[in-house]
């Protein structure tokens, strides 16, 4: 594998994903900018390169098996992969009250937020297994915490029968991966960015995208023997 650490961040052309790419790139890593829209991906790559980051475009639609396979082949040709940050995600639009939601909205959100993560992770595991210190970070949310969602008087955003449960599902999948990979050197964790101002929420969040990237960058750079199968924000563990 390459001497330089190689990372792929999905959905990295904007928002928190872009800031994760920038933060990891500032460490001297080579960063694959995963983007469904190739043109926007190239714009993000150019911006990162202008800031001194060794960035390259990875056209990637996490809902498309052929796109994921092509991304894996591109990364293999570039020398492999050390870190995967599964950041791509959607809210699905509304309404999302359980009594009103169109089941197709739920299906679409899960396809990206959960099945997309599984699809990308499994396709890239052969490359990650060759790395001396592989890390996987799944971008979750506080709305995926059942503990926080069910706490009396908790303010965890609007009722969302698609988006919130998709993050709970993602958390559960993260735990299952950690259990299966416990005898390997792969560390996999879920990251909570907090309520950040991004186009995902109409820029209503009170945190910046750069702040939202902090926990993910920390999990992507965990030392060997670090935690696996956990859910963390920048202050520590988040209750499931």
Protein backbone atom coordinates (compact mmCIF):
# COMPACT_ATOMS: atom_id res chain seq x y z
CA UNK A 1 0.00 0.00 0.00
CA UNK A 2 0.98 3.61 -0.36
CA UNK A 3 3.12 5.19 2.35
CA UNK A 4 0.64 8.05 2.50
CA UNK A 5 -2.61 7.28 4.31
CA UNK A 6 -5.54 7.10 1.90
CA UNK A 7 -9.07 7.96 3.00
CA UNK A 8 -12.40 8.00 1.23
CA UNK A 9 -15.15 10.31 2.45
CA UNK A 10 -18.52 9.73 0.82
CA UNK A 11 -20.71 12.75 0.19
CA UNK A 12 -17.62 14.93 0.53
CA UNK A 13 -18.36 17.65 -1.99
CA UNK A 14 -20.07 19.87 0.60
CA UNK A 15 -21.04 20.34 4.23
CA UNK A 16 -19.70 18.09 6.97
CA UNK A 17 -18.27 15.63 4.47
CA UNK A 18 -16.19 18.35 2.87
CA UNK A 19 -14.90 19.50 6.26
CA UNK A 20 -13.95 15.93 7.18
CA UNK A 21 -12.04 15.67 3.92
CA UNK A 22 -10.32 18.99 4.61
CA UNK A 23 -9.44 18.02 8.16
CA UNK A 24 -7.99 14.64 7.22
CA UNK A 25 -6.22 16.20 4.24
CA UNK A 26 -4.55 18.71 6.56
CA UNK A 27 -2.84 15.72 8.20
CA UNK A 28 -1.07 15.02 4.94
CA UNK A 29 -3.40 12.23 3.88
CA UNK A 30 -4.54 11.52 0.36
CA UNK A 31 -8.30 12.10 0.26
CA UNK A 32 -10.83 10.55 -2.08
CA UNK A 33 -13.75 12.93 -2.45
CA UNK A 34 -16.80 10.75 -2.96
CA UNK A 35 -19.60 12.57 -4.75
CA UNK A 36 -22.71 11.46 -6.61
CA UNK A 37 -22.52 14.57 -8.79
CA UNK A 38 -19.19 14.30 -10.65
CA UNK A 39 -19.03 18.02 -11.46
CA UNK A 40 -19.57 19.05 -7.84
CA UNK A 41 -16.99 16.50 -6.79
CA UNK A 42 -14.41 18.01 -9.12
CA UNK A 43 -15.17 21.50 -7.78
CA UNK A 44 -14.60 20.27 -4.22
CA UNK A 45 -11.36 18.56 -5.25
CA UNK A 46 -10.10 21.78 -6.85
CA UNK A 47 -10.93 23.73 -3.70
CA UNK A 48 -9.16 21.20 -1.48
CA UNK A 49 -6.11 21.15 -3.73
CA UNK A 50 -5.96 24.94 -3.61
CA UNK A 51 -5.75 24.58 0.18
CA UNK A 52 -2.84 22.16 -0.15
CA UNK A 53 -4.74 18.88 0.22
CA UNK A 54 -3.82 15.84 -1.87
CA UNK A 55 -7.40 15.26 -3.05
CA UNK A 56 -8.83 13.22 -5.90
CA UNK A 57 -12.35 12.67 -7.18
CA UNK A 58 -14.24 9.44 -6.64
CA UNK A 59 -17.53 9.44 -8.55
CA UNK A 60 -19.81 7.51 -6.23
CA UNK A 61 -23.53 6.88 -5.91
CA UNK A 62 -23.86 4.71 -2.81
CA UNK A 63 -27.21 3.35 -4.05
CA UNK A 64 -25.65 1.96 -7.24
CA UNK A 65 -23.76 -1.36 -7.06
CA UNK A 66 -21.92 -0.62 -10.31
CA UNK A 67 -20.87 2.83 -9.08
CA UNK A 68 -19.59 1.36 -5.82
CA UNK A 69 -17.65 -1.34 -7.69
CA UNK A 70 -16.08 1.31 -9.93
CA UNK A 71 -15.07 3.34 -6.88
CA UNK A 72 -13.43 0.30 -5.30
CA UNK A 73 -11.47 -0.32 -8.51
CA UNK A 74 -10.37 3.32 -8.65
CA UNK A 75 -9.10 3.18 -5.07
CA UNK A 76 -7.29 -0.11 -5.67
CA UNK A 77 -5.53 1.45 -8.64
CA UNK A 78 -4.45 4.40 -6.46
CA UNK A 79 -2.85 2.16 -3.86
CA UNK A 80 -5.63 0.94 -1.58
CA UNK A 81 -7.55 2.38 1.34
CA UNK A 82 -6.86 3.00 5.01
CA UNK A 83 -9.87 4.94 6.23
CA UNK A 84 -13.51 4.99 5.12
CA UNK A 85 -15.91 7.69 6.30
CA UNK A 86 -19.49 6.83 5.35
CA UNK A 87 -20.91 10.33 5.33
CA UNK A 88 -23.37 10.37 2.41
CA UNK A 89 -26.94 10.68 3.63
CA UNK A 90 -30.37 12.12 2.89
CA UNK A 91 -33.39 13.18 4.94
CA UNK A 92 -35.96 12.09 2.36
CA UNK A 93 -38.22 15.11 2.59
CA UNK A 94 -41.65 15.05 4.17
CA UNK A 95 -44.10 14.65 5.62
CA UNK A 96 -42.50 12.12 7.98
CA UNK A 97 -45.10 11.75 10.72
CA UNK A 98 -45.62 7.97 11.03
CA UNK A 99 -49.33 8.31 10.21
CA UNK A 100 -48.63 10.34 7.08
CA UNK A 101 -45.31 9.17 5.71
CA UNK A 102 -45.18 7.48 2.32
CA UNK A 103 -43.43 4.12 2.81
CA UNK A 104 -41.44 4.87 -0.34
CA UNK A 105 -39.78 7.77 1.48
CA UNK A 106 -38.64 5.38 4.18
CA UNK A 107 -37.40 2.92 1.58
CA UNK A 108 -35.43 5.67 -0.21
CA UNK A 109 -33.83 6.98 2.98
CA UNK A 110 -32.81 3.52 4.18
CA UNK A 111 -31.40 2.74 0.72
CA UNK A 112 -28.92 5.60 1.07
CA UNK A 113 -28.38 5.93 4.82
CA UNK A 114 -28.13 2.23 5.67
CA UNK A 115 -27.89 -0.02 2.64
CA UNK A 116 -25.53 2.45 0.98
CA UNK A 117 -23.20 2.20 3.96
CA UNK A 118 -23.29 -1.58 3.87
CA UNK A 119 -22.76 -1.64 0.10
CA UNK A 120 -19.74 0.69 0.22
CA UNK A 121 -18.22 -0.87 3.33
CA UNK A 122 -18.40 -4.42 2.01
CA UNK A 123 -16.97 -3.43 -1.36
CA UNK A 124 -14.01 -1.70 0.30
CA UNK A 125 -13.29 -4.17 3.09
CA UNK A 126 -10.78 -6.14 0.97
CA UNK A 127 -8.72 -2.95 0.61
CA UNK A 128 -9.13 -1.97 4.26
CA UNK A 129 -7.97 -5.42 5.42
CA UNK A 130 -4.61 -4.74 3.75
CA UNK A 131 -4.08 -1.54 5.72
CA UNK A 132 -1.98 -1.62 8.92
CA UNK A 133 -4.51 0.55 10.81
CA UNK A 134 -7.88 0.57 9.04
CA UNK A 135 -10.70 2.71 10.37
CA UNK A 136 -14.37 3.04 9.42
CA UNK A 137 -16.51 5.95 10.58
CA UNK A 138 -20.28 5.95 10.03
CA UNK A 139 -21.86 9.37 10.25
CA UNK A 140 -24.91 9.07 12.46
CA UNK A 141 -26.90 11.66 14.41
CA UNK A 142 -28.25 12.35 17.87
CA UNK A 143 -31.70 11.66 16.43
CA UNK A 144 -30.58 8.05 16.03
CA UNK A 145 -30.20 7.69 19.80
CA UNK A 146 -33.26 5.92 21.19
CA UNK A 147 -32.23 7.03 24.67
CA UNK A 148 -32.29 10.68 23.69
CA UNK A 149 -35.38 10.31 21.50
CA UNK A 150 -37.40 8.77 24.33
CA UNK A 151 -36.21 11.04 27.16
CA UNK A 152 -39.08 13.13 28.62
CA UNK A 153 -39.01 16.64 27.24
CA UNK A 154 -36.08 15.90 24.93
CA UNK A 155 -35.58 18.26 22.01
CA UNK A 156 -34.37 16.00 19.23
CA UNK A 157 -35.83 17.66 16.21
CA UNK A 158 -39.08 17.09 14.33
CA UNK A 159 -40.91 13.78 14.10
CA UNK A 160 -39.16 11.88 11.34
CA UNK A 161 -40.29 8.33 10.65
CA UNK A 162 -37.70 7.91 7.90
CA UNK A 163 -34.57 9.88 8.79
CA UNK A 164 -34.34 9.30 12.56
CA UNK A 165 -34.95 5.52 12.42
CA UNK A 166 -32.44 5.25 9.56
CA UNK A 167 -29.75 6.56 11.89
CA UNK A 168 -30.86 4.18 14.64
CA UNK A 169 -30.61 1.37 12.08
CA UNK A 170 -27.14 2.61 11.09
CA UNK A 171 -26.04 2.57 14.73
CA UNK A 172 -27.22 -1.02 15.09
CA UNK A 173 -25.41 -2.03 11.90
CA UNK A 174 -22.23 -0.39 13.23
CA UNK A 175 -22.40 -2.58 16.32
CA UNK A 176 -22.87 -5.71 14.22
CA UNK A 177 -19.85 -4.87 12.07
CA UNK A 178 -17.77 -4.31 15.20
CA UNK A 179 -18.81 -7.70 16.55
CA UNK A 180 -17.93 -9.47 13.31
CA UNK A 181 -14.61 -7.62 12.94
CA UNK A 182 -13.55 -7.80 16.58
CA UNK A 183 -10.67 -10.18 15.82
CA UNK A 184 -9.26 -7.90 13.13
CA UNK A 185 -7.43 -4.57 13.35
CA UNK A 186 -10.39 -2.72 11.83
CA UNK A 187 -12.02 -0.20 14.16
CA UNK A 188 -15.54 0.92 13.25
CA UNK A 189 -17.57 3.53 15.11
CA UNK A 190 -20.53 5.87 14.64
CA UNK A 191 -20.03 9.62 14.86
CA UNK A 192 -22.53 12.26 15.96
CA UNK A 193 -21.80 15.69 14.45
CA UNK A 194 -24.43 17.61 16.37
CA UNK A 195 -26.99 19.97 14.85
CA UNK A 196 -24.93 21.64 12.16
CA UNK A 197 -26.00 24.26 9.64
CA UNK A 198 -25.98 22.38 6.33
CA UNK A 199 -28.30 22.15 3.36
CA UNK A 200 -29.59 18.89 4.85
CA UNK A 201 -31.59 20.97 7.34
CA UNK A 202 -31.91 24.23 5.44
CA UNK A 203 -28.92 25.63 7.37
CA UNK A 204 -30.95 25.82 10.58
CA UNK A 205 -28.33 24.17 12.78
CA UNK A 206 -26.46 26.08 15.48
CA UNK A 207 -23.09 24.39 14.83
CA UNK A 208 -20.79 24.78 11.86
CA UNK A 209 -19.98 21.97 9.46
CA UNK A 210 -16.36 22.27 10.59
CA UNK A 211 -17.43 21.64 14.19
CA UNK A 212 -19.49 18.68 13.00
CA UNK A 213 -16.39 17.11 11.48
CA UNK A 214 -14.38 17.07 14.72
CA UNK A 215 -15.64 13.78 16.16
CA UNK A 216 -15.38 11.98 12.82
CA UNK A 217 -11.79 13.10 12.33
CA UNK A 218 -10.95 11.88 15.82
CA UNK A 219 -12.50 8.47 15.12
CA UNK A 220 -10.73 8.26 11.76
CA UNK A 221 -7.40 8.78 13.50
CA UNK A 222 -7.88 6.48 16.49
CA UNK A 223 -4.73 4.72 17.67
CA UNK A 224 -4.46 0.96 17.43
CA UNK A 225 -6.39 -0.66 20.27
CA UNK A 226 -8.93 2.16 20.32
CA UNK A 227 -12.66 1.66 20.78
CA UNK A 228 -14.81 -0.12 18.22
CA UNK A 229 -18.57 -0.43 18.03
CA UNK A 230 -19.22 2.83 19.84
CA UNK A 231 -21.22 6.01 19.23
CA UNK A 232 -19.35 9.25 19.88
CA UNK A 233 -19.58 13.00 19.59
CA UNK A 234 -16.72 15.38 20.31
CA UNK A 235 -17.44 15.27 24.04
CA UNK A 236 -17.40 11.48 24.37
CA UNK A 237 -19.82 8.60 24.13
CA UNK A 238 -23.39 9.15 23.04
CA UNK A 239 -26.07 6.89 24.58
CA UNK A 240 -27.62 4.41 22.19
